[in-house]
């Protein structure tokens, strides 16, 4: 198997995602276009499903994780 031999479509944005020779069914890859985290469901044919999204601080939907709300001192 040669690196780049497999590719599948991102279910979020429709761009093609290369799957290298070391990836296995159940593994994850990231879409270079929309940064979605994708799980490999099959290799022949390639089937990818969305399992998460990586947000950057510049993303308007980014929410920083401050942990449990119970740990916050809301009186300050």
C-alpha atoms as a PDB file:
ATOM      1  CA  UNK A   1       0.000   0.000   0.000  1.00  0.00           C
ATOM      2  CA  UNK A   2       1.390   3.412  -0.955  1.00  0.00           C
ATOM      3  CA  UNK A   3       0.906   6.598   1.095  1.00  0.00           C
ATOM      4  CA  UNK A   4      -1.858   8.687  -0.378  1.00  0.00           C
ATOM      5  CA  UNK A   5      -3.374   5.638  -2.084  1.00  0.00           C
ATOM      6  CA  UNK A   6      -6.695   6.176  -0.314  1.00  0.00           C
ATOM      7  CA  UNK A   7      -8.819   9.279  -0.042  1.00  0.00           C
ATOM      8  CA  UNK A   8     -12.351   9.934   1.086  1.00  0.00           C
ATOM      9  CA  UNK A   9     -14.749  12.842   1.161  1.00  0.00           C
ATOM     10  CA  UNK A  10     -15.192  14.861   4.316  1.00  0.00           C
ATOM     11  CA  UNK A  11     -18.860  14.566   5.362  1.00  0.00           C
ATOM     12  CA  UNK A  12     -18.767  18.173   6.616  1.00  0.00           C
ATOM     13  CA  UNK A  13     -17.337  20.139   3.691  1.00  0.00           C
ATOM     14  CA  UNK A  14     -17.047  17.618   0.839  1.00  0.00           C
ATOM     15  CA  UNK A  15     -13.296  18.073   0.334  1.00  0.00           C
ATOM     16  CA  UNK A  16     -11.120  15.008  -0.217  1.00  0.00           C
ATOM     17  CA  UNK A  17      -9.018  13.782   2.713  1.00  0.00           C
ATOM     18  CA  UNK A  18      -5.937  11.634   2.036  1.00  0.00           C
ATOM     19  CA  UNK A  19      -5.607   8.489   4.126  1.00  0.00           C
ATOM     20  CA  UNK A  20      -2.017   7.278   4.501  1.00  0.00           C
ATOM     21  CA  UNK A  21      -0.815   3.686   4.624  1.00  0.00           C
ATOM     22  CA  UNK A  22      -0.566   3.639   8.408  1.00  0.00           C
ATOM     23  CA  UNK A  23      -4.238   4.504   9.054  1.00  0.00           C
ATOM     24  CA  UNK A  24      -6.594   1.758  10.173  1.00  0.00           C
ATOM     25  CA  UNK A  25     -10.342   1.352  10.434  1.00  0.00           C
ATOM     26  CA  UNK A  26     -11.366   3.092  13.656  1.00  0.00           C
ATOM     27  CA  UNK A  27      -8.513   5.583  13.430  1.00  0.00           C
ATOM     28  CA  UNK A  28      -8.987   9.309  13.049  1.00  0.00           C
ATOM     29  CA  UNK A  29      -7.832  11.831  10.476  1.00  0.00           C
ATOM     30  CA  UNK A  30      -8.386  15.566  10.157  1.00  0.00           C
ATOM     31  CA  UNK A  31      -9.827  17.366   7.159  1.00  0.00           C
ATOM     32  CA  UNK A  32      -7.265  19.909   5.907  1.00  0.00           C
ATOM     33  CA  UNK A  33     -10.061  22.177   4.699  1.00  0.00           C
ATOM     34  CA  UNK A  34     -12.457  22.466   7.659  1.00  0.00           C
ATOM     35  CA  UNK A  35     -10.369  20.894  10.496  1.00  0.00           C
ATOM     36  CA  UNK A  36     -13.094  18.329  11.242  1.00  0.00           C
ATOM     37  CA  UNK A  37     -12.007  15.239  13.144  1.00  0.00           C
ATOM     38  CA  UNK A  38     -13.062  12.217  11.114  1.00  0.00           C
ATOM     39  CA  UNK A  39     -13.159   8.548  12.023  1.00  0.00           C
ATOM     40  CA  UNK A  40     -12.339   5.932   9.392  1.00  0.00           C
ATOM     41  CA  UNK A  41     -15.273   3.502   9.171  1.00  0.00           C
ATOM     42  CA  UNK A  42     -13.925   1.528   6.179  1.00  0.00           C
ATOM     43  CA  UNK A  43     -10.979   1.631   3.754  1.00  0.00           C
ATOM     44  CA  UNK A  44     -12.438  -0.145   0.720  1.00  0.00           C
ATOM     45  CA  UNK A  45     -14.422   1.917  -0.089  1.00  0.00           C
ATOM     46  CA  UNK A  46     -13.224   4.757   2.135  1.00  0.00           C
ATOM     47  CA  UNK A  47     -15.981   5.904   4.468  1.00  0.00           C
ATOM     48  CA  UNK A  48     -15.387   8.752   6.897  1.00  0.00           C
ATOM     49  CA  UNK A  49     -17.729   9.994   9.629  1.00  0.00           C
ATOM     50  CA  UNK A  50     -17.483  13.182  11.635  1.00  0.00           C
ATOM     51  CA  UNK A  51     -16.597  12.746  15.300  1.00  0.00           C
ATOM     52  CA  UNK A  52     -15.623  16.281  16.262  1.00  0.00           C
ATOM     53  CA  UNK A  53     -14.395  19.675  15.180  1.00  0.00           C
ATOM     54  CA  UNK A  54     -11.192  21.424  16.098  1.00  0.00           C
ATOM     55  CA  UNK A  55     -11.775  25.102  16.767  1.00  0.00           C
ATOM     56  CA  UNK A  56      -9.110  27.740  16.759  1.00  0.00           C
ATOM     57  CA  UNK A  57      -9.262  30.846  18.913  1.00  0.00           C
ATOM     58  CA  UNK A  58      -9.943  32.855  15.741  1.00  0.00           C
ATOM     59  CA  UNK A  59     -13.069  30.777  15.045  1.00  0.00           C
ATOM     60  CA  UNK A  60     -16.248  32.629  15.988  1.00  0.00           C
ATOM     61  CA  UNK A  61     -17.619  29.459  17.589  1.00  0.00           C
ATOM     62  CA  UNK A  62     -14.564  28.836  19.787  1.00  0.00           C
ATOM     63  CA  UNK A  63     -15.407  28.312  23.435  1.00  0.00           C
ATOM     64  CA  UNK A  64     -12.562  28.020  25.886  1.00  0.00           C
ATOM     65  CA  UNK A  65     -12.990  25.232  28.411  1.00  0.00           C
ATOM     66  CA  UNK A  66     -12.783  26.657  31.906  1.00  0.00           C
ATOM     67  CA  UNK A  67     -13.576  23.344  33.555  1.00  0.00           C
ATOM     68  CA  UNK A  68     -16.495  22.689  35.855  1.00  0.00           C
ATOM     69  CA  UNK A  69     -18.776  25.655  36.569  1.00  0.00           C
ATOM     70  CA  UNK A  70     -18.825  24.606  40.217  1.00  0.00           C
ATOM     71  CA  UNK A  71     -15.135  25.555  40.444  1.00  0.00           C
ATOM     72  CA  UNK A  72     -15.806  29.144  39.358  1.00  0.00           C
ATOM     73  CA  UNK A  73     -16.190  31.875  41.982  1.00  0.00           C
ATOM     74  CA  UNK A  74     -19.106  33.836  40.544  1.00  0.00           C
ATOM     75  CA  UNK A  75     -19.042  36.467  43.339  1.00  0.00           C
ATOM     76  CA  UNK A  76     -15.803  38.061  42.108  1.00  0.00           C
END
